[in-house]
Amino acid sequence: MVNGFNQFYYAIDSYIIFFYRVTGIGMVDYLIGTFCLSLIAVLLGELTISLAIRANTAYLTGLSNRMKEKEALSIKAYETGNMAEYKALNKEATDAWGRKFFAMLAHSAAILWPVPFALGWMQTRFAGIDFPIAFPFSLVADSVGYTFSFFPIYVLARIVFGKLRPYLPYFASVHRKLAEMSA
């Protein structure tokens, strides 16, 4: 299997390394390249979750409708003083909420699957390269590797994508659908 990953990394290397050679200034290129690689990972993760949500829209919508219906019925039961029916309906509404919550949590995990592949590619290029760090962090360690720099840049790429998502052609519709589903 390692050989398969090496072949995969070799196949994508010429495309990804382009982003690491933009300016000719080593550290600047590293930051730009890592940001672009992170943005690609974000896009792949977001595409995956959008496809999963589209495939499961009927199920998630059904859970939302069931939750709202049982919640409304439980409120009516409470208002009429029927506590047994209120508790039963409230339990059903809570069950539907829990199912939707965990389904959305599972979908959210789909966002992260590209990260290990991005780090795997970075390992082929940056393993053994250490970046010196400044005081006061140097009290803990003198230098860090590529993984230490990847994660803050990945978070930045997520933030940038989050700000741009409502304006991107495909992802704008996904953004609206997610907003509708969370309401």
N, C-alpha and C. Protein backbone atom coordinates (compact mmCIF):
# COMPACT_ATOMS: atom_id res chain seq x y z
N MET A 1 0.82 -1.20 0.00
CA MET A 1 0.00 0.00 0.00
C MET A 1 0.86 1.26 0.00
N VAL A 2 2.01 1.20 0.67
CA VAL A 2 2.91 2.35 0.69
C VAL A 2 3.32 2.70 -0.73
N ASN A 3 3.59 1.70 -1.54
CA ASN A 3 3.96 1.93 -2.93
C ASN A 3 2.84 2.66 -3.67
N GLY A 4 1.59 2.31 -3.40
CA GLY A 4 0.45 2.98 -4.02
C GLY A 4 0.38 4.45 -3.65
N PHE A 5 0.63 4.75 -2.38
CA PHE A 5 0.64 6.15 -1.95
C PHE A 5 1.80 6.89 -2.61
N ASN A 6 2.96 6.26 -2.67
CA ASN A 6 4.10 6.91 -3.32
C ASN A 6 3.80 7.22 -4.78
N GLN A 7 3.12 6.30 -5.47
CA GLN A 7 2.74 6.54 -6.86
C GLN A 7 1.74 7.70 -6.96
N PHE A 8 0.81 7.75 -6.02
CA PHE A 8 -0.17 8.84 -5.99
C PHE A 8 0.54 10.17 -5.77
N TYR A 9 1.42 10.23 -4.78
CA TYR A 9 2.14 11.46 -4.49
C TYR A 9 3.02 11.88 -5.66
N TYR A 10 3.64 10.91 -6.31
CA TYR A 10 4.46 11.21 -7.49
C TYR A 10 3.59 11.78 -8.61
N ALA A 11 2.40 11.24 -8.79
CA ALA A 11 1.50 11.69 -9.85
C ALA A 11 1.03 13.13 -9.63
N ILE A 12 0.79 13.51 -8.39
CA ILE A 12 0.29 14.87 -8.13
C ILE A 12 1.41 15.87 -7.85
N ASP A 13 2.62 15.38 -7.70
CA ASP A 13 3.74 16.24 -7.29
C ASP A 13 3.96 17.42 -8.23
N SER A 14 3.99 17.18 -9.50
CA SER A 14 4.29 18.27 -10.44
C SER A 14 3.22 19.36 -10.43
N TYR A 15 2.00 19.01 -10.07
CA TYR A 15 0.93 20.01 -9.99
C TYR A 15 1.03 20.82 -8.70
N ILE A 16 1.28 20.13 -7.61
CA ILE A 16 1.31 20.82 -6.31
C ILE A 16 2.59 21.64 -6.14
N ILE A 17 3.71 21.12 -6.59
CA ILE A 17 4.98 21.82 -6.39
C ILE A 17 5.00 23.17 -7.09
N PHE A 18 4.17 23.31 -8.11
CA PHE A 18 4.06 24.60 -8.81
C PHE A 18 3.79 25.73 -7.82
N PHE A 19 2.91 25.49 -6.85
CA PHE A 19 2.55 26.53 -5.88
C PHE A 19 3.70 26.86 -4.93
N TYR A 20 4.66 25.98 -4.84
CA TYR A 20 5.82 26.19 -3.96
C TYR A 20 6.97 26.87 -4.70
N ARG A 21 6.74 27.29 -5.93
CA ARG A 21 7.79 27.92 -6.72
C ARG A 21 7.31 29.21 -7.38
N VAL A 22 6.46 29.92 -6.72
CA VAL A 22 5.85 31.11 -7.31
C VAL A 22 6.79 32.31 -7.34
N THR A 23 7.45 32.62 -6.23
CA THR A 23 8.24 33.85 -6.15
C THR A 23 9.74 33.62 -6.22
N GLY A 24 10.21 32.44 -5.89
CA GLY A 24 11.64 32.19 -5.82
C GLY A 24 12.24 32.51 -4.46
N ILE A 25 11.41 32.97 -3.55
CA ILE A 25 11.85 33.26 -2.17
C ILE A 25 11.37 32.10 -1.32
N GLY A 26 12.31 31.32 -0.81
CA GLY A 26 12.02 30.05 -0.15
C GLY A 26 10.87 30.07 0.85
N MET A 27 10.95 30.90 1.87
CA MET A 27 9.93 30.89 2.92
C MET A 27 8.59 31.41 2.40
N VAL A 28 8.63 32.42 1.56
CA VAL A 28 7.39 32.95 0.98
C VAL A 28 6.72 31.88 0.12
N ASP A 29 7.52 31.21 -0.70
CA ASP A 29 6.97 30.13 -1.54
C ASP A 29 6.41 29.00 -0.69
N TYR A 30 7.09 28.68 0.40
CA TYR A 30 6.59 27.62 1.29
C TYR A 30 5.22 28.01 1.85
N LEU A 31 5.08 29.24 2.29
CA LEU A 31 3.80 29.69 2.86
C LEU A 31 2.71 29.72 1.79
N ILE A 32 3.03 30.23 0.61
CA ILE A 32 2.05 30.28 -0.49
C ILE A 32 1.66 28.86 -0.90
N GLY A 33 2.66 28.00 -1.08
CA GLY A 33 2.39 26.63 -1.49
C GLY A 33 1.57 25.88 -0.47
N THR A 34 1.91 26.04 0.81
CA THR A 34 1.17 25.35 1.86
C THR A 34 -0.25 25.88 1.97
N PHE A 35 -0.42 27.19 1.76
CA PHE A 35 -1.77 27.75 1.75
C PHE A 35 -2.57 27.17 0.59
N CYS A 36 -1.98 27.10 -0.60
CA CYS A 36 -2.68 26.54 -1.76
C CYS A 36 -3.01 25.06 -1.55
N LEU A 37 -2.05 24.31 -1.01
CA LEU A 37 -2.30 22.90 -0.71
C LEU A 37 -3.43 22.77 0.32
N SER A 38 -3.42 23.62 1.33
CA SER A 38 -4.48 23.61 2.34
C SER A 38 -5.82 23.96 1.71
N LEU A 39 -5.82 24.93 0.83
CA LEU A 39 -7.06 25.33 0.16
C LEU A 39 -7.60 24.20 -0.71
N ILE A 40 -6.72 23.47 -1.37
CA ILE A 40 -7.15 22.30 -2.15
C ILE A 40 -7.77 21.26 -1.22
N ALA A 41 -7.14 21.03 -0.07
CA ALA A 41 -7.69 20.07 0.90
C ALA A 41 -9.05 20.54 1.40
N VAL A 42 -9.18 21.83 1.66
CA VAL A 42 -10.47 22.39 2.10
C VAL A 42 -11.53 22.19 1.02
N LEU A 43 -11.18 22.50 -0.23
CA LEU A 43 -12.13 22.35 -1.33
C LEU A 43 -12.58 20.90 -1.51
N LEU A 44 -11.62 19.97 -1.44
CA LEU A 44 -11.98 18.55 -1.57
C LEU A 44 -12.89 18.10 -0.43
N GLY A 45 -12.57 18.53 0.78
CA GLY A 45 -13.41 18.18 1.93
C GLY A 45 -14.80 18.77 1.82
N GLU A 46 -14.87 20.03 1.42
CA GLU A 46 -16.17 20.69 1.27
C GLU A 46 -16.99 20.06 0.14
N LEU A 47 -16.32 19.69 -0.93
CA LEU A 47 -17.02 19.01 -2.03
C LEU A 47 -17.57 17.67 -1.55
N THR A 48 -16.78 16.95 -0.77
CA THR A 48 -17.22 15.66 -0.25
C THR A 48 -18.44 15.81 0.65
N ILE A 49 -18.38 16.76 1.57
CA ILE A 49 -19.53 16.92 2.48
C ILE A 49 -20.75 17.41 1.72
N SER A 50 -20.55 18.24 0.71
CA SER A 50 -21.72 18.72 -0.04
C SER A 50 -22.39 17.58 -0.79
N LEU A 51 -21.58 16.68 -1.36
CA LEU A 51 -22.15 15.52 -2.06
C LEU A 51 -22.85 14.58 -1.08
N ALA A 52 -22.25 14.39 0.10
CA ALA A 52 -22.87 13.53 1.11
C ALA A 52 -24.20 14.11 1.58
N ILE A 53 -24.23 15.41 1.79
CA ILE A 53 -25.48 16.04 2.23
C ILE A 53 -26.53 15.99 1.14
N ARG A 54 -26.11 16.21 -0.10
CA ARG A 54 -27.08 16.10 -1.21
C ARG A 54 -27.65 14.69 -1.30
N ALA A 55 -26.81 13.70 -1.09
CA ALA A 55 -27.27 12.31 -1.15
C ALA A 55 -28.20 11.97 0.01
N ASN A 56 -28.03 12.65 1.14
CA ASN A 56 -28.82 12.35 2.34
C ASN A 56 -29.83 13.43 2.68
N THR A 57 -30.13 14.31 1.75
CA THR A 57 -31.05 15.41 2.02
C THR A 57 -32.42 14.92 2.47
N ALA A 58 -32.95 13.91 1.81
CA ALA A 58 -34.28 13.42 2.17
C ALA A 58 -34.29 12.90 3.62
N TYR A 59 -33.26 12.16 3.97
CA TYR A 59 -33.16 11.62 5.34
C TYR A 59 -33.05 12.75 6.35
N LEU A 60 -32.18 13.72 6.09
CA LEU A 60 -31.98 14.83 7.03
C LEU A 60 -33.22 15.71 7.12
N THR A 61 -33.87 15.94 5.99
CA THR A 61 -35.10 16.73 5.99
C THR A 61 -36.20 16.01 6.76
N GLY A 62 -36.29 14.70 6.58
CA GLY A 62 -37.26 13.90 7.32
C GLY A 62 -37.02 13.98 8.82
N LEU A 63 -35.77 13.93 9.23
CA LEU A 63 -35.46 14.07 10.66
C LEU A 63 -35.85 15.45 11.17
N SER A 64 -35.56 16.48 10.40
CA SER A 64 -35.92 17.85 10.80
C SER A 64 -37.43 18.00 10.93
N ASN A 65 -38.15 17.49 9.94
CA ASN A 65 -39.62 17.57 9.98
C ASN A 65 -40.19 16.80 11.17
N ARG A 66 -39.65 15.60 11.40
CA ARG A 66 -40.11 14.79 12.54
C ARG A 66 -39.84 15.51 13.85
N MET A 67 -38.66 16.11 13.96
CA MET A 67 -38.29 16.82 15.17
C MET A 67 -39.25 18.00 15.41
N LYS A 68 -39.50 18.79 14.38
CA LYS A 68 -40.40 19.95 14.51
C LYS A 68 -41.82 19.51 14.83
N GLU A 69 -42.28 18.45 14.16
CA GLU A 69 -43.64 17.95 14.39
C GLU A 69 -43.80 17.47 15.84
N LYS A 70 -42.89 16.65 16.30
CA LYS A 70 -42.98 16.11 17.67
C LYS A 70 -42.82 17.21 18.70
N GLU A 71 -41.99 18.19 18.41
CA GLU A 71 -41.81 19.31 19.33
C GLU A 71 -43.11 20.12 19.45
N ALA A 72 -43.74 20.40 18.31
CA ALA A 72 -45.01 21.15 18.33
C ALA A 72 -46.08 20.36 19.06
N LEU A 73 -46.17 19.05 18.80
CA LEU A 73 -47.17 18.23 19.48
C LEU A 73 -46.90 18.14 20.98
N SER A 74 -45.62 18.09 21.36
CA SER A 74 -45.30 18.00 22.79
C SER A 74 -45.66 19.30 23.50
N ILE A 75 -45.51 20.42 22.83
CA ILE A 75 -45.89 21.71 23.43
C ILE A 75 -47.40 21.76 23.63
N LYS A 76 -48.15 21.28 22.64
CA LYS A 76 -49.62 21.24 22.78
C LYS A 76 -50.02 20.33 23.93
N ALA A 77 -49.35 19.19 24.04
CA ALA A 77 -49.66 18.26 25.14
C ALA A 77 -49.34 18.90 26.49
N TYR A 78 -48.26 19.64 26.56
CA TYR A 78 -47.88 20.31 27.80
C TYR A 78 -48.92 21.37 28.16
N GLU A 79 -49.35 22.13 27.15
CA GLU A 79 -50.34 23.18 27.38
C GLU A 79 -51.67 22.62 27.85
N THR A 80 -52.03 21.41 27.40
CA THR A 80 -53.29 20.79 27.82
C THR A 80 -53.14 20.03 29.13
N GLY A 81 -51.90 19.96 29.63
CA GLY A 81 -51.67 19.30 30.91
C GLY A 81 -51.46 17.80 30.82
N ASN A 82 -51.35 17.25 29.64
CA ASN A 82 -51.14 15.82 29.46
C ASN A 82 -49.64 15.53 29.53
N MET A 83 -49.12 15.34 30.74
CA MET A 83 -47.67 15.20 30.95
C MET A 83 -47.12 13.90 30.39
N ALA A 84 -47.89 12.84 30.40
CA ALA A 84 -47.40 11.57 29.86
C ALA A 84 -47.18 11.69 28.35
N GLU A 85 -48.15 12.28 27.66
CA GLU A 85 -48.01 12.46 26.22
C GLU A 85 -46.89 13.47 25.93
N TYR A 86 -46.79 14.53 26.74
CA TYR A 86 -45.73 15.51 26.57
C TYR A 86 -44.35 14.85 26.65
N LYS A 87 -44.16 14.03 27.67
CA LYS A 87 -42.86 13.36 27.85
C LYS A 87 -42.56 12.41 26.69
N ALA A 88 -43.56 11.67 26.25
CA ALA A 88 -43.36 10.72 25.15
C ALA A 88 -43.01 11.45 23.85
N LEU A 89 -43.76 12.51 23.55
CA LEU A 89 -43.50 13.27 22.33
C LEU A 89 -42.16 14.01 22.41
N ASN A 90 -41.87 14.54 23.58
CA ASN A 90 -40.60 15.24 23.77
C ASN A 90 -39.43 14.27 23.59
N LYS A 91 -39.59 13.04 24.06
CA LYS A 91 -38.55 12.02 23.89
C LYS A 91 -38.36 11.71 22.41
N GLU A 92 -39.45 11.63 21.65
CA GLU A 92 -39.34 11.37 20.21
C GLU A 92 -38.67 12.54 19.49
N ALA A 93 -39.00 13.77 19.90
CA ALA A 93 -38.37 14.95 19.29
C ALA A 93 -36.87 14.97 19.61
N THR A 94 -36.53 14.63 20.83
CA THR A 94 -35.12 14.58 21.23
C THR A 94 -34.38 13.49 20.47
N ASP A 95 -35.03 12.35 20.27
CA ASP A 95 -34.42 11.26 19.51
C ASP A 95 -34.14 11.71 18.07
N ALA A 96 -35.10 12.38 17.44
CA ALA A 96 -34.92 12.87 16.07
C ALA A 96 -33.79 13.90 16.03
N TRP A 97 -33.74 14.77 17.03
CA TRP A 97 -32.67 15.76 17.10
C TRP A 97 -31.31 15.08 17.21
N GLY A 98 -31.22 14.07 18.06
CA GLY A 98 -29.97 13.34 18.24
C GLY A 98 -29.52 12.65 16.96
N ARG A 99 -30.47 12.04 16.27
CA ARG A 99 -30.12 11.38 15.00
C ARG A 99 -29.61 12.38 13.97
N LYS A 100 -30.25 13.54 13.90
CA LYS A 100 -29.81 14.56 12.95
C LYS A 100 -28.45 15.11 13.37
N PHE A 101 -28.27 15.34 14.66
CA PHE A 101 -27.00 15.85 15.17
C PHE A 101 -25.86 14.92 14.80
N PHE A 102 -26.02 13.64 15.06
CA PHE A 102 -24.94 12.70 14.79
C PHE A 102 -24.75 12.45 13.29
N ALA A 103 -25.81 12.57 12.51
CA ALA A 103 -25.66 12.47 11.05
C ALA A 103 -24.85 13.66 10.54
N MET A 104 -25.14 14.84 11.04
CA MET A 104 -24.39 16.03 10.63
C MET A 104 -22.94 15.95 11.13
N LEU A 105 -22.74 15.39 12.31
CA LEU A 105 -21.38 15.21 12.83
C LEU A 105 -20.59 14.26 11.94
N ALA A 106 -21.23 13.19 11.51
CA ALA A 106 -20.56 12.24 10.61
C ALA A 106 -20.25 12.91 9.27
N HIS A 107 -21.17 13.72 8.78
CA HIS A 107 -20.91 14.45 7.54
C HIS A 107 -19.74 15.41 7.73
N SER A 108 -19.68 16.05 8.87
CA SER A 108 -18.61 17.01 9.13
C SER A 108 -17.24 16.35 9.14
N ALA A 109 -17.18 15.11 9.55
CA ALA A 109 -15.90 14.39 9.54
C ALA A 109 -15.38 14.23 8.11
N ALA A 110 -16.28 14.25 7.15
CA ALA A 110 -15.88 14.11 5.75
C ALA A 110 -15.03 15.30 5.29
N ILE A 111 -15.12 16.40 5.99
CA ILE A 111 -14.35 17.58 5.63
C ILE A 111 -12.85 17.32 5.77
N LEU A 112 -12.48 16.48 6.71
CA LEU A 112 -11.07 16.33 7.07
C LEU A 112 -10.30 15.25 6.31
N TRP A 113 -10.96 14.41 5.53
CA TRP A 113 -10.24 13.29 4.91
C TRP A 113 -9.07 13.71 4.03
N PRO A 114 -9.08 14.89 3.37
CA PRO A 114 -7.91 15.22 2.54
C PRO A 114 -6.65 15.61 3.33
N VAL A 115 -6.81 15.96 4.59
CA VAL A 115 -5.67 16.44 5.38
C VAL A 115 -4.54 15.41 5.47
N PRO A 116 -4.80 14.14 5.80
CA PRO A 116 -3.69 13.19 5.83
C PRO A 116 -2.98 13.02 4.49
N PHE A 117 -3.71 13.15 3.40
CA PHE A 117 -3.08 13.05 2.08
C PHE A 117 -2.19 14.26 1.80
N ALA A 118 -2.67 15.45 2.21
CA ALA A 118 -1.84 16.64 2.05
C ALA A 118 -0.56 16.52 2.87
N LEU A 119 -0.70 16.06 4.10
CA LEU A 119 0.48 15.87 4.96
C LEU A 119 1.39 14.78 4.41
N GLY A 120 0.80 13.75 3.84
CA GLY A 120 1.60 12.68 3.23
C GLY A 120 2.43 13.21 2.08
N TRP A 121 1.83 14.06 1.24
CA TRP A 121 2.60 14.65 0.15
C TRP A 121 3.70 15.55 0.71
N MET A 122 3.35 16.35 1.72
CA MET A 122 4.35 17.24 2.31
C MET A 122 5.52 16.44 2.89
N GLN A 123 5.24 15.27 3.40
CA GLN A 123 6.31 14.44 3.94
C GLN A 123 7.31 14.06 2.85
N THR A 124 6.81 13.81 1.65
CA THR A 124 7.73 13.44 0.56
C THR A 124 8.65 14.58 0.19
N ARG A 125 8.24 15.81 0.45
CA ARG A 125 9.03 16.98 0.08
C ARG A 125 9.76 17.64 1.25
N PHE A 126 9.16 17.61 2.44
CA PHE A 126 9.67 18.42 3.54
C PHE A 126 10.10 17.62 4.77
N ALA A 127 10.10 16.30 4.69
CA ALA A 127 10.56 15.50 5.83
C ALA A 127 12.03 15.85 6.11
N GLY A 128 12.35 16.08 7.35
CA GLY A 128 13.72 16.40 7.73
C GLY A 128 14.06 17.88 7.65
N ILE A 129 13.17 18.69 7.12
CA ILE A 129 13.42 20.14 7.08
C ILE A 129 12.78 20.74 8.32
N ASP A 130 13.60 21.43 9.08
CA ASP A 130 13.11 22.07 10.31
C ASP A 130 13.12 23.59 10.14
N PHE A 131 12.12 24.22 10.74
CA PHE A 131 12.00 25.66 10.71
C PHE A 131 12.35 26.18 12.11
N PRO A 132 13.37 27.05 12.20
CA PRO A 132 13.70 27.60 13.52
C PRO A 132 12.56 28.48 14.02
N ILE A 133 12.36 28.47 15.31
CA ILE A 133 11.30 29.30 15.88
C ILE A 133 11.91 30.32 16.85
N ALA A 134 11.21 31.40 17.03
CA ALA A 134 11.71 32.53 17.81
C ALA A 134 11.31 32.42 19.27
N PHE A 135 11.96 33.23 20.06
CA PHE A 135 11.64 33.35 21.48
C PHE A 135 10.22 33.87 21.61
N PRO A 136 9.40 33.48 22.50
CA PRO A 136 9.59 32.59 23.64
C PRO A 136 9.34 31.12 23.31
N PHE A 137 8.90 30.83 22.07
CA PHE A 137 8.61 29.45 21.70
C PHE A 137 9.88 28.60 21.68
N SER A 138 11.01 29.24 21.44
CA SER A 138 12.27 28.51 21.40
C SER A 138 12.65 27.95 22.76
N LEU A 139 11.97 28.37 23.81
CA LEU A 139 12.20 27.79 25.13
C LEU A 139 11.70 26.35 25.18
N VAL A 140 10.71 26.06 24.35
CA VAL A 140 10.13 24.71 24.29
C VAL A 140 10.88 23.84 23.29
N ALA A 141 11.13 24.38 22.10
CA ALA A 141 11.85 23.65 21.05
C ALA A 141 12.59 24.65 20.18
N ASP A 142 13.68 24.21 19.60
CA ASP A 142 14.47 25.09 18.72
C ASP A 142 13.86 25.24 17.34
N SER A 143 13.18 24.17 16.89
CA SER A 143 12.62 24.19 15.54
C SER A 143 11.40 23.28 15.48
N VAL A 144 10.66 23.45 14.39
CA VAL A 144 9.46 22.63 14.15
C VAL A 144 9.50 22.13 12.71
N GLY A 145 8.73 21.10 12.45
CA GLY A 145 8.64 20.54 11.10
C GLY A 145 7.44 21.07 10.34
N TYR A 146 7.23 20.48 9.18
CA TYR A 146 6.15 20.93 8.29
C TYR A 146 4.76 20.76 8.89
N THR A 147 4.56 19.74 9.73
CA THR A 147 3.22 19.54 10.29
C THR A 147 2.82 20.70 11.19
N PHE A 148 3.77 21.24 11.92
CA PHE A 148 3.48 22.35 12.82
C PHE A 148 3.00 23.57 12.04
N SER A 149 3.59 23.80 10.88
CA SER A 149 3.18 24.96 10.08
C SER A 149 1.92 24.69 9.27
N PHE A 150 1.66 23.45 8.94
CA PHE A 150 0.52 23.13 8.09
C PHE A 150 -0.80 23.49 8.77
N PHE A 151 -0.97 23.12 10.02
CA PHE A 151 -2.28 23.26 10.66
C PHE A 151 -2.76 24.70 10.81
N PRO A 152 -1.93 25.65 11.24
CA PRO A 152 -2.44 27.03 11.26
C PRO A 152 -2.77 27.56 9.86
N ILE A 153 -1.98 27.15 8.88
CA ILE A 153 -2.25 27.59 7.51
C ILE A 153 -3.55 26.94 7.01
N TYR A 154 -3.78 25.68 7.38
CA TYR A 154 -5.02 25.00 7.02
C TYR A 154 -6.23 25.72 7.65
N VAL A 155 -6.10 26.10 8.91
CA VAL A 155 -7.18 26.84 9.57
C VAL A 155 -7.44 28.16 8.85
N LEU A 156 -6.37 28.85 8.47
CA LEU A 156 -6.53 30.09 7.70
C LEU A 156 -7.25 29.83 6.38
N ALA A 157 -6.87 28.75 5.69
CA ALA A 157 -7.54 28.41 4.43
C ALA A 157 -9.02 28.12 4.66
N ARG A 158 -9.35 27.46 5.77
CA ARG A 158 -10.76 27.20 6.10
C ARG A 158 -11.52 28.50 6.32
N ILE A 159 -10.89 29.43 7.03
CA ILE A 159 -11.53 30.72 7.30
C ILE A 159 -11.75 31.48 5.99
N VAL A 160 -10.73 31.54 5.15
CA VAL A 160 -10.85 32.23 3.86
C VAL A 160 -11.95 31.59 3.03
N PHE A 161 -11.96 30.26 2.95
CA PHE A 161 -13.00 29.57 2.18
C PHE A 161 -14.38 29.87 2.77
N GLY A 162 -14.49 29.86 4.10
CA GLY A 162 -15.77 30.14 4.74
C GLY A 162 -16.31 31.51 4.38
N LYS A 163 -15.41 32.48 4.25
CA LYS A 163 -15.83 33.84 3.86
C LYS A 163 -16.23 33.91 2.39
N LEU A 164 -15.56 33.08 1.56
CA LEU A 164 -15.83 33.10 0.12
C LEU A 164 -16.97 32.18 -0.31
N ARG A 165 -17.29 31.17 0.50
CA ARG A 165 -18.28 30.16 0.10
C ARG A 165 -19.59 30.74 -0.40
N PRO A 166 -20.17 31.74 0.26
CA PRO A 166 -21.46 32.26 -0.23
C PRO A 166 -21.40 32.87 -1.63
N TYR A 167 -20.19 33.14 -2.14
CA TYR A 167 -20.04 33.80 -3.44
C TYR A 167 -19.51 32.87 -4.53
N LEU A 168 -19.13 31.66 -4.17
CA LEU A 168 -18.60 30.72 -5.15
C LEU A 168 -19.74 29.96 -5.82
N PRO A 169 -19.69 29.80 -7.14
CA PRO A 169 -20.83 29.25 -7.88
C PRO A 169 -21.46 27.99 -7.29
N TYR A 170 -20.74 26.91 -7.18
CA TYR A 170 -21.33 25.67 -6.66
C TYR A 170 -21.58 25.76 -5.16
N PHE A 171 -20.62 26.29 -4.43
CA PHE A 171 -20.68 26.28 -2.98
C PHE A 171 -21.70 27.26 -2.41
N ALA A 172 -22.11 28.26 -3.18
CA ALA A 172 -23.14 29.18 -2.72
C ALA A 172 -24.46 28.44 -2.49
N SER A 173 -24.80 27.53 -3.42
CA SER A 173 -26.04 26.75 -3.25
C SER A 173 -25.91 25.79 -2.08
N VAL A 174 -24.72 25.23 -1.89
CA VAL A 174 -24.48 24.35 -0.74
C VAL A 174 -24.62 25.14 0.55
N HIS A 175 -24.07 26.35 0.56
CA HIS A 175 -24.15 27.23 1.73
C HIS A 175 -25.61 27.51 2.09
N ARG A 176 -26.42 27.83 1.08
CA ARG A 176 -27.85 28.10 1.33
C ARG A 176 -28.55 26.86 1.87
N LYS A 177 -28.24 25.68 1.31
CA LYS A 177 -28.87 24.43 1.76
C LYS A 177 -28.50 24.13 3.20
N LEU A 178 -27.24 24.34 3.56
CA LEU A 178 -26.80 24.11 4.95
C LEU A 178 -27.50 25.08 5.89
N ALA A 179 -27.66 26.32 5.46
CA ALA A 179 -28.36 27.32 6.29
C ALA A 179 -29.82 26.92 6.49
N GLU A 180 -30.45 26.41 5.43
CA GLU A 180 -31.84 25.97 5.53
C GLU A 180 -31.97 24.76 6.47
N MET A 181 -31.02 23.84 6.38
CA MET A 181 -31.09 22.63 7.17
C MET A 181 -30.83 22.91 8.65
N SER A 182 -30.02 23.92 8.95
CA SER A 182 -29.73 24.21 10.35
C SER A 182 -30.83 25.04 10.99
N ALA A 183 -31.69 25.62 10.17
CA ALA A 183 -32.78 26.46 10.72
C ALA A 183 -33.91 25.62 11.25
